[in-house]
Amino acid sequence: MANALVSIQIIPKLKDGGDTYPLVDEAIRIIAESGVKYEVHPLETTMEGDLSLLMQVIEKMNQKMIEQGSISVISQVKIVYRPEGITMNSLTKKYR
């Protein structure tokens, strides 16, 4: 069972100030390929899983941004950690 929810907003910076949406798409692809449950929202993406695995995914995202030409990356991260388990649905089901 998942013990963490992690929301991330990744903000790559390009030297020429160009469009960063393709890099954000690449970051979301890394999440999708990781196999963790996730939801994309307008300003951030939320992942559900083991905290250490989710942090590894974030590290890969940041590394990929640099590989794709970003000169720096800001990652705004929110974490909810519950060793006994937590899901996105458990926090949002009353709103659906």
C-alpha atoms as a PDB file:
ATOM      1  CA  MET A   1       0.000   0.000   0.000  1.00  0.00           C
ATOM      2  CA  ALA A   2       1.113   3.536  -0.723  1.00  0.00           C
ATOM      3  CA  ASN A   3       2.537   5.386   2.250  1.00  0.00           C
ATOM      4  CA  ALA A   4       2.855   8.780   0.585  1.00  0.00           C
ATOM      5  CA  LEU A   5       1.296  11.283  -1.745  1.00  0.00           C
ATOM      6  CA  VAL A   6       3.737  13.626  -3.424  1.00  0.00           C
ATOM      7  CA  SER A   7       2.701  16.585  -5.556  1.00  0.00           C
ATOM      8  CA  ILE A   8       5.315  18.181  -7.754  1.00  0.00           C
ATOM      9  CA  GLN A   9       5.419  21.278  -9.884  1.00  0.00           C
ATOM     10  CA  ILE A  10       8.596  21.217 -11.950  1.00  0.00           C
ATOM     11  CA  ILE A  11       9.831  24.504 -13.379  1.00  0.00           C
ATOM     12  CA  PRO A  12      12.728  24.138 -15.806  1.00  0.00           C
ATOM     13  CA  LYS A  13      14.646  27.219 -16.941  1.00  0.00           C
ATOM     14  CA  LEU A  14      16.040  27.421 -20.457  1.00  0.00           C
ATOM     15  CA  LYS A  15      19.024  29.633 -21.285  1.00  0.00           C
ATOM     16  CA  ASP A  16      17.144  31.287 -24.154  1.00  0.00           C
ATOM     17  CA  GLY A  17      13.927  31.680 -22.141  1.00  0.00           C
ATOM     18  CA  GLY A  18      12.085  29.416 -24.570  1.00  0.00           C
ATOM     19  CA  ASP A  19       8.926  27.368 -24.146  1.00  0.00           C
ATOM     20  CA  THR A  20       9.295  24.906 -21.274  1.00  0.00           C
ATOM     21  CA  TYR A  21       6.040  22.987 -21.809  1.00  0.00           C
ATOM     22  CA  PRO A  22       7.797  20.262 -23.830  1.00  0.00           C
ATOM     23  CA  LEU A  23      10.143  19.717 -20.888  1.00  0.00           C
ATOM     24  CA  VAL A  24       7.203  19.502 -18.477  1.00  0.00           C
ATOM     25  CA  ASP A  25       5.645  16.921 -20.813  1.00  0.00           C
ATOM     26  CA  GLU A  26       8.902  14.964 -20.607  1.00  0.00           C
ATOM     27  CA  ALA A  27       8.811  15.128 -16.796  1.00  0.00           C
ATOM     28  CA  ILE A  28       5.261  13.745 -16.800  1.00  0.00           C
ATOM     29  CA  ARG A  29       6.387  10.969 -19.158  1.00  0.00           C
ATOM     30  CA  ILE A  30       8.999   9.961 -16.570  1.00  0.00           C
ATOM     31  CA  ILE A  31       6.254   9.705 -13.951  1.00  0.00           C
ATOM     32  CA  ALA A  32       4.087   7.624 -16.294  1.00  0.00           C
ATOM     33  CA  GLU A  33       6.958   5.259 -17.093  1.00  0.00           C
ATOM     34  CA  SER A  34       7.737   4.788 -13.395  1.00  0.00           C
ATOM     35  CA  GLY A  35       4.531   2.811 -12.950  1.00  0.00           C
ATOM     36  CA  VAL A  36       3.285   4.804  -9.955  1.00  0.00           C
ATOM     37  CA  LYS A  37      -0.304   5.953  -9.774  1.00  0.00           C
ATOM     38  CA  TYR A  38      -0.551   9.650 -10.656  1.00  0.00           C
ATOM     39  CA  GLU A  39      -2.908  12.449 -11.660  1.00  0.00           C
ATOM     40  CA  VAL A  40      -1.983  15.478 -13.742  1.00  0.00           C
ATOM     41  CA  HIS A  41      -3.548  18.753 -12.644  1.00  0.00           C
ATOM     42  CA  PRO A  42      -3.161  22.228 -14.173  1.00  0.00           C
ATOM     43  CA  LEU A  43      -0.426  23.390 -11.794  1.00  0.00           C
ATOM     44  CA  GLU A  44       1.083  20.171 -10.442  1.00  0.00           C
ATOM     45  CA  THR A  45       1.079  16.409 -10.714  1.00  0.00           C
ATOM     46  CA  THR A  46       0.298  14.169  -7.734  1.00  0.00           C
ATOM     47  CA  MET A  47       1.873  10.733  -7.348  1.00  0.00           C
ATOM     48  CA  GLU A  48       0.895   7.932  -4.983  1.00  0.00           C
ATOM     49  CA  GLY A  49       3.305   5.282  -3.732  1.00  0.00           C
ATOM     50  CA  ASP A  50       6.256   4.482  -1.527  1.00  0.00           C
ATOM     51  CA  LEU A  51       7.967   7.713  -0.447  1.00  0.00           C
ATOM     52  CA  SER A  52      11.482   6.569  -1.346  1.00  0.00           C
ATOM     53  CA  LEU A  53      10.357   5.498  -4.827  1.00  0.00           C
ATOM     54  CA  LEU A  54       8.538   8.796  -5.406  1.00  0.00           C
ATOM     55  CA  MET A  55      11.650  10.742  -4.425  1.00  0.00           C
ATOM     56  CA  GLN A  56      13.657   8.684  -6.942  1.00  0.00           C
ATOM     57  CA  VAL A  57      11.136   9.646  -9.627  1.00  0.00           C
ATOM     58  CA  ILE A  58      11.591  13.321  -8.736  1.00  0.00           C
ATOM     59  CA  GLU A  59      15.360  12.936  -8.970  1.00  0.00           C
ATOM     60  CA  LYS A  60      15.021  11.388 -12.457  1.00  0.00           C
ATOM     61  CA  MET A  61      12.717  14.233 -13.496  1.00  0.00           C
ATOM     62  CA  ASN A  62      15.261  16.847 -12.447  1.00  0.00           C
ATOM     63  CA  GLN A  63      18.117  15.032 -14.177  1.00  0.00           C
ATOM     64  CA  LYS A  64      16.072  14.759 -17.391  1.00  0.00           C
ATOM     65  CA  MET A  65      15.370  18.501 -17.373  1.00  0.00           C
ATOM     66  CA  ILE A  66      19.126  19.184 -17.404  1.00  0.00           C
ATOM     67  CA  GLU A  67      19.672  16.567 -20.126  1.00  0.00           C
ATOM     68  CA  GLN A  68      16.982  18.319 -22.196  1.00  0.00           C
ATOM     69  CA  GLY A  69      18.774  21.677 -22.038  1.00  0.00           C
ATOM     70  CA  SER A  70      17.498  23.273 -18.854  1.00  0.00           C
ATOM     71  CA  ILE A  71      20.148  25.342 -17.053  1.00  0.00           C
ATOM     72  CA  SER A  72      18.353  25.000 -13.713  1.00  0.00           C
ATOM     73  CA  VAL A  73      15.235  23.415 -12.267  1.00  0.00           C
ATOM     74  CA  ILE A  74      12.899  24.411  -9.459  1.00  0.00           C
ATOM     75  CA  SER A  75      10.868  21.552  -8.011  1.00  0.00           C
ATOM     76  CA  GLN A  76       8.073  22.584  -5.695  1.00  0.00           C
ATOM     77  CA  VAL A  77       7.104  19.490  -3.747  1.00  0.00           C
ATOM     78  CA  LYS A  78       4.349  18.719  -1.250  1.00  0.00           C
ATOM     79  CA  ILE A  79       4.411  15.450   0.682  1.00  0.00           C
ATOM     80  CA  VAL A  80       1.836  13.669   2.796  1.00  0.00           C
ATOM     81  CA  TYR A  81       3.377  10.675   4.549  1.00  0.00           C
ATOM     82  CA  ARG A  82       1.387   8.079   6.491  1.00  0.00           C
ATOM     83  CA  PRO A  83       3.206   4.832   7.296  1.00  0.00           C
ATOM     84  CA  GLU A  84      -0.155   3.053   7.699  1.00  0.00           C
ATOM     85  CA  GLY A  85      -1.138   4.031   4.143  1.00  0.00           C
ATOM     86  CA  ILE A  86      -2.743   6.811   2.147  1.00  0.00           C
ATOM     87  CA  THR A  87      -4.357   7.211  -1.263  1.00  0.00           C
ATOM     88  CA  MET A  88      -5.447  10.132  -3.414  1.00  0.00           C
ATOM     89  CA  ASN A  89      -8.967   8.744  -3.338  1.00  0.00           C
ATOM     90  CA  SER A  90      -9.081   8.704   0.466  1.00  0.00           C
ATOM     91  CA  LEU A  91      -8.497  12.459   0.508  1.00  0.00           C
ATOM     92  CA  THR A  92     -10.756  13.424  -2.397  1.00  0.00           C
ATOM     93  CA  LYS A  93     -13.607  10.904  -2.604  1.00  0.00           C
ATOM     94  CA  LYS A  94     -16.096  13.211  -0.899  1.00  0.00           C
ATOM     95  CA  TYR A  95     -15.569  15.737  -3.708  1.00  0.00           C
ATOM     96  CA  ARG A  96     -16.166  13.302  -6.556  1.00  0.00           C
END
